[in-house]
Amino acid sequence: PAAEKYKADIDAQIAALDEQIAQLTGKDNKKERSAKSKDVSELKASPQYVDACKVVKGSEPRNGFFVKSSTAQAKKESPDAKAPPPETPASLEKKDKEDKKAKK
């Protein structure tokens, strides 16, 4: 799927950067090595890459990328995730009065 393709693309980029880092030896290239290492860590820490890794392993994506959408799952989840009942205007007025008292 898309997650596997994305993960493979990013892994290829990371491997290329690692090869470049390996070639940059010595004290003279320390800044370049650290800059490329920073690029690698940014790629690995990106929310889309993290989700791709989780989906490939079979876990649920954390950041909402690569979610398999199905109406059956949405219908099952909607009754469980009930919204709190809307407050009546009287209770809202009481809260407003309490807030005004607290501000004084």
N, C-alpha and C. Protein backbone atom coordinates (compact mmCIF):
# COMPACT_ATOMS: atom_id res chain seq x y z
N PRO A 1 0.81 -1.21 0.00
CA PRO A 1 0.00 0.00 0.00
C PRO A 1 0.85 1.27 0.00
N ALA A 2 0.19 2.37 0.21
CA ALA A 2 0.86 3.67 0.18
C ALA A 2 1.87 3.81 1.31
N ALA A 3 1.56 3.27 2.47
CA ALA A 3 2.47 3.38 3.61
C ALA A 3 3.78 2.67 3.33
N GLU A 4 3.70 1.48 2.74
CA GLU A 4 4.92 0.73 2.43
C GLU A 4 5.77 1.47 1.40
N LYS A 5 5.12 2.06 0.41
CA LYS A 5 5.84 2.80 -0.63
C LYS A 5 6.52 4.03 -0.03
N TYR A 6 5.79 4.77 0.80
CA TYR A 6 6.34 5.97 1.42
C TYR A 6 7.53 5.60 2.31
N LYS A 7 7.37 4.55 3.11
CA LYS A 7 8.45 4.12 4.01
C LYS A 7 9.68 3.70 3.21
N ALA A 8 9.48 3.00 2.10
CA ALA A 8 10.61 2.59 1.26
C ALA A 8 11.33 3.80 0.67
N ASP A 9 10.57 4.80 0.24
CA ASP A 9 11.17 6.01 -0.31
C ASP A 9 12.02 6.74 0.74
N ILE A 10 11.47 6.89 1.93
CA ILE A 10 12.20 7.59 2.99
C ILE A 10 13.41 6.76 3.43
N ASP A 11 13.26 5.44 3.51
CA ASP A 11 14.40 4.59 3.87
C ASP A 11 15.52 4.72 2.85
N ALA A 12 15.17 4.86 1.58
CA ALA A 12 16.18 5.04 0.54
C ALA A 12 16.90 6.38 0.72
N GLN A 13 16.15 7.42 1.06
CA GLN A 13 16.76 8.73 1.31
C GLN A 13 17.70 8.65 2.51
N ILE A 14 17.26 7.96 3.55
CA ILE A 14 18.08 7.83 4.76
C ILE A 14 19.36 7.05 4.45
N ALA A 15 19.24 5.98 3.67
CA ALA A 15 20.42 5.19 3.30
C ALA A 15 21.41 6.03 2.50
N ALA A 16 20.90 6.86 1.58
CA ALA A 16 21.77 7.73 0.79
C ALA A 16 22.49 8.73 1.68
N LEU A 17 21.78 9.30 2.63
CA LEU A 17 22.41 10.25 3.55
C LEU A 17 23.44 9.55 4.43
N ASP A 18 23.15 8.33 4.86
CA ASP A 18 24.10 7.58 5.68
C ASP A 18 25.39 7.30 4.90
N GLU A 19 25.26 7.00 3.62
CA GLU A 19 26.45 6.78 2.79
C GLU A 19 27.28 8.06 2.68
N GLN A 20 26.60 9.19 2.52
CA GLN A 20 27.31 10.46 2.43
C GLN A 20 28.01 10.77 3.75
N ILE A 21 27.34 10.47 4.86
CA ILE A 21 27.94 10.70 6.18
C ILE A 21 29.19 9.84 6.35
N ALA A 22 29.13 8.59 5.89
CA ALA A 22 30.27 7.69 6.01
C ALA A 22 31.47 8.20 5.21
N GLN A 23 31.23 8.88 4.11
CA GLN A 23 32.32 9.40 3.29
C GLN A 23 32.93 10.66 3.88
N LEU A 24 32.19 11.36 4.71
CA LEU A 24 32.69 12.60 5.30
C LEU A 24 33.42 12.28 6.60
N THR A 25 34.69 11.97 6.49
CA THR A 25 35.46 11.62 7.68
C THR A 25 36.36 12.78 8.06
N GLY A 26 36.82 12.73 9.26
CA GLY A 26 37.78 13.72 9.73
C GLY A 26 37.14 14.92 10.39
N LYS A 27 38.02 15.69 10.99
CA LYS A 27 37.59 16.85 11.75
C LYS A 27 37.04 17.95 10.83
N ASP A 28 37.56 18.00 9.61
CA ASP A 28 37.18 19.06 8.68
C ASP A 28 35.71 18.97 8.27
N ASN A 29 35.16 17.77 8.25
CA ASN A 29 33.80 17.56 7.76
C ASN A 29 32.77 17.40 8.87
N LYS A 30 33.14 17.76 10.09
CA LYS A 30 32.24 17.54 11.22
C LYS A 30 30.92 18.30 11.05
N LYS A 31 30.98 19.54 10.61
CA LYS A 31 29.75 20.32 10.46
C LYS A 31 28.83 19.71 9.40
N GLU A 32 29.41 19.27 8.30
CA GLU A 32 28.61 18.66 7.24
C GLU A 32 27.98 17.35 7.71
N ARG A 33 28.78 16.55 8.46
CA ARG A 33 28.26 15.29 8.99
C ARG A 33 27.09 15.53 9.93
N SER A 34 27.25 16.50 10.82
CA SER A 34 26.19 16.75 11.78
C SER A 34 24.94 17.32 11.09
N ALA A 35 25.13 18.11 10.04
CA ALA A 35 23.98 18.63 9.30
C ALA A 35 23.22 17.50 8.63
N LYS A 36 23.95 16.55 8.03
CA LYS A 36 23.30 15.42 7.37
C LYS A 36 22.65 14.49 8.40
N SER A 37 23.29 14.34 9.55
CA SER A 37 22.69 13.53 10.62
C SER A 37 21.39 14.15 11.10
N LYS A 38 21.37 15.48 11.15
CA LYS A 38 20.16 16.18 11.55
C LYS A 38 19.04 15.94 10.53
N ASP A 39 19.41 15.94 9.24
CA ASP A 39 18.42 15.65 8.19
C ASP A 39 17.85 14.25 8.35
N VAL A 40 18.71 13.29 8.67
CA VAL A 40 18.26 11.90 8.87
C VAL A 40 17.29 11.83 10.04
N SER A 41 17.63 12.50 11.14
CA SER A 41 16.76 12.43 12.31
C SER A 41 15.42 13.13 12.05
N GLU A 42 15.43 14.21 11.25
CA GLU A 42 14.18 14.87 10.90
C GLU A 42 13.30 13.95 10.05
N LEU A 43 13.92 13.22 9.13
CA LEU A 43 13.15 12.29 8.29
C LEU A 43 12.53 11.19 9.15
N LYS A 44 13.31 10.66 10.08
CA LYS A 44 12.82 9.56 10.92
C LYS A 44 11.75 10.03 11.90
N ALA A 45 11.80 11.30 12.30
CA ALA A 45 10.86 11.80 13.29
C ALA A 45 9.62 12.43 12.68
N SER A 46 9.55 12.51 11.36
CA SER A 46 8.39 13.14 10.73
C SER A 46 7.14 12.31 11.03
N PRO A 47 6.03 12.97 11.30
CA PRO A 47 4.80 12.25 11.66
C PRO A 47 4.35 11.26 10.58
N GLN A 48 4.54 11.62 9.32
CA GLN A 48 4.10 10.74 8.24
C GLN A 48 4.95 9.47 8.21
N TYR A 49 6.27 9.59 8.45
CA TYR A 49 7.15 8.42 8.45
C TYR A 49 6.82 7.52 9.64
N VAL A 50 6.57 8.13 10.79
CA VAL A 50 6.22 7.36 11.99
C VAL A 50 4.95 6.56 11.75
N ASP A 51 3.95 7.20 11.14
CA ASP A 51 2.70 6.50 10.84
C ASP A 51 2.92 5.39 9.83
N ALA A 52 3.76 5.64 8.83
CA ALA A 52 4.04 4.61 7.82
C ALA A 52 4.66 3.39 8.49
N CYS A 53 5.60 3.61 9.39
CA CYS A 53 6.23 2.49 10.10
C CYS A 53 5.20 1.72 10.92
N LYS A 54 4.31 2.44 11.61
CA LYS A 54 3.30 1.78 12.44
C LYS A 54 2.34 0.96 11.58
N VAL A 55 1.92 1.51 10.44
CA VAL A 55 0.98 0.80 9.58
C VAL A 55 1.63 -0.45 9.00
N VAL A 56 2.91 -0.34 8.63
CA VAL A 56 3.62 -1.50 8.08
C VAL A 56 3.72 -2.60 9.13
N LYS A 57 3.91 -2.21 10.39
CA LYS A 57 4.00 -3.20 11.47
C LYS A 57 2.63 -3.74 11.87
N GLY A 58 1.56 -3.07 11.45
CA GLY A 58 0.22 -3.54 11.77
C GLY A 58 -0.43 -2.79 12.91
N SER A 59 0.18 -1.72 13.39
CA SER A 59 -0.39 -0.92 14.47
C SER A 59 -1.26 0.19 13.89
N GLU A 60 -1.98 0.86 14.77
CA GLU A 60 -2.78 2.00 14.35
C GLU A 60 -1.88 3.22 14.18
N PRO A 61 -2.09 4.03 13.14
CA PRO A 61 -1.28 5.23 12.96
C PRO A 61 -1.58 6.26 14.04
N ARG A 62 -0.54 6.92 14.51
CA ARG A 62 -0.67 7.86 15.61
C ARG A 62 -1.14 9.23 15.14
N ASN A 63 -0.67 9.66 13.97
CA ASN A 63 -0.91 11.03 13.54
C ASN A 63 -1.96 11.16 12.45
N GLY A 64 -2.62 10.09 12.11
CA GLY A 64 -3.71 10.16 11.15
C GLY A 64 -3.32 9.97 9.69
N PHE A 65 -2.06 9.66 9.41
CA PHE A 65 -1.65 9.38 8.04
C PHE A 65 -1.88 7.90 7.76
N PHE A 66 -2.18 7.58 6.53
CA PHE A 66 -2.35 6.19 6.06
C PHE A 66 -3.46 5.46 6.82
N VAL A 67 -4.53 6.16 7.15
CA VAL A 67 -5.66 5.54 7.84
C VAL A 67 -6.53 4.87 6.79
N LYS A 68 -6.90 3.64 7.06
CA LYS A 68 -7.81 2.93 6.15
C LYS A 68 -9.22 3.36 6.51
N SER A 69 -9.85 4.10 5.63
CA SER A 69 -11.19 4.60 5.94
C SER A 69 -12.23 3.59 5.49
N SER A 70 -13.17 3.34 6.38
CA SER A 70 -14.30 2.49 6.02
C SER A 70 -15.51 3.00 6.78
N THR A 71 -16.64 2.98 6.15
CA THR A 71 -17.85 3.50 6.78
C THR A 71 -18.30 2.61 7.93
N ALA A 72 -18.01 1.34 7.87
CA ALA A 72 -18.40 0.43 8.94
C ALA A 72 -17.69 0.79 10.24
N GLN A 73 -16.41 1.10 10.15
CA GLN A 73 -15.68 1.48 11.36
C GLN A 73 -16.19 2.81 11.89
N ALA A 74 -16.47 3.74 11.02
CA ALA A 74 -16.95 5.05 11.46
C ALA A 74 -18.29 4.93 12.18
N LYS A 75 -19.16 4.06 11.68
CA LYS A 75 -20.45 3.87 12.33
C LYS A 75 -20.30 3.21 13.68
N LYS A 76 -19.35 2.29 13.81
CA LYS A 76 -19.13 1.62 15.09
C LYS A 76 -18.56 2.57 16.12
N GLU A 77 -17.69 3.47 15.68
CA GLU A 77 -17.03 4.38 16.61
C GLU A 77 -17.93 5.52 17.05
N SER A 78 -18.86 5.95 16.21
CA SER A 78 -19.67 7.11 16.53
C SER A 78 -20.53 6.94 17.79
N PRO A 79 -21.19 5.80 18.04
CA PRO A 79 -21.96 5.69 19.27
C PRO A 79 -21.08 5.69 20.52
N ASP A 80 -19.89 5.14 20.42
CA ASP A 80 -19.01 5.09 21.58
C ASP A 80 -18.51 6.48 21.96
N ALA A 81 -18.23 7.28 20.96
CA ALA A 81 -17.69 8.61 21.20
C ALA A 81 -18.84 9.61 21.27
N LYS A 82 -19.60 9.53 22.32
CA LYS A 82 -20.74 10.43 22.47
C LYS A 82 -20.26 11.80 22.93
N ALA A 83 -20.83 12.82 22.35
CA ALA A 83 -20.51 14.18 22.76
C ALA A 83 -21.26 14.49 24.05
N PRO A 84 -20.68 15.30 24.92
CA PRO A 84 -21.40 15.66 26.13
C PRO A 84 -22.66 16.45 25.76
N PRO A 85 -23.71 16.30 26.54
CA PRO A 85 -24.96 17.00 26.20
C PRO A 85 -24.75 18.51 26.27
N PRO A 86 -25.37 19.26 25.39
CA PRO A 86 -25.20 20.71 25.41
C PRO A 86 -25.77 21.29 26.70
N GLU A 87 -25.11 22.29 27.21
CA GLU A 87 -25.55 22.89 28.46
C GLU A 87 -26.74 23.81 28.21
N THR A 88 -27.58 23.91 29.21
CA THR A 88 -28.74 24.78 29.09
C THR A 88 -28.29 26.23 29.26
N PRO A 89 -29.03 27.17 28.71
CA PRO A 89 -28.65 28.58 28.84
C PRO A 89 -28.58 29.03 30.29
N ALA A 90 -29.41 28.46 31.16
CA ALA A 90 -29.40 28.86 32.57
C ALA A 90 -28.05 28.53 33.20
N SER A 91 -27.52 27.35 32.91
CA SER A 91 -26.25 26.98 33.51
C SER A 91 -25.12 27.83 32.93
N LEU A 92 -25.24 28.23 31.67
CA LEU A 92 -24.23 29.10 31.08
C LEU A 92 -24.23 30.46 31.75
N GLU A 93 -25.44 30.97 32.07
CA GLU A 93 -25.53 32.27 32.74
C GLU A 93 -24.89 32.19 34.13
N LYS A 94 -25.09 31.09 34.83
CA LYS A 94 -24.48 30.92 36.15
C LYS A 94 -22.96 30.95 36.04
N LYS A 95 -22.43 30.27 35.02
CA LYS A 95 -20.98 30.25 34.84
C LYS A 95 -20.46 31.64 34.55
N ASP A 96 -21.19 32.41 33.73
CA ASP A 96 -20.76 33.77 33.41
C ASP A 96 -20.72 34.62 34.67
N LYS A 97 -21.73 34.49 35.53
CA LYS A 97 -21.76 35.25 36.77
C LYS A 97 -20.60 34.86 37.67
N GLU A 98 -20.31 33.56 37.74
CA GLU A 98 -19.19 33.10 38.56
C GLU A 98 -17.87 33.64 38.02
N ASP A 99 -17.73 33.66 36.70
CA ASP A 99 -16.51 34.18 36.09
C ASP A 99 -16.34 35.66 36.40
N LYS A 100 -17.43 36.42 36.34
CA LYS A 100 -17.35 37.85 36.63
C LYS A 100 -16.96 38.08 38.08
N LYS A 101 -17.51 37.28 38.99
CA LYS A 101 -17.16 37.40 40.40
C LYS A 101 -15.69 37.07 40.62
N ALA A 102 -15.21 36.05 39.94
CA ALA A 102 -13.82 35.64 40.10
C ALA A 102 -12.87 36.71 39.58
N LYS A 103 -13.26 37.42 38.54
CA LYS A 103 -12.40 38.45 37.96
C LYS A 103 -12.26 39.64 38.90
N LYS A 104 -13.31 39.94 39.70
CA LYS A 104 -13.26 41.07 40.62
C LYS A 104 -12.37 40.70 41.75
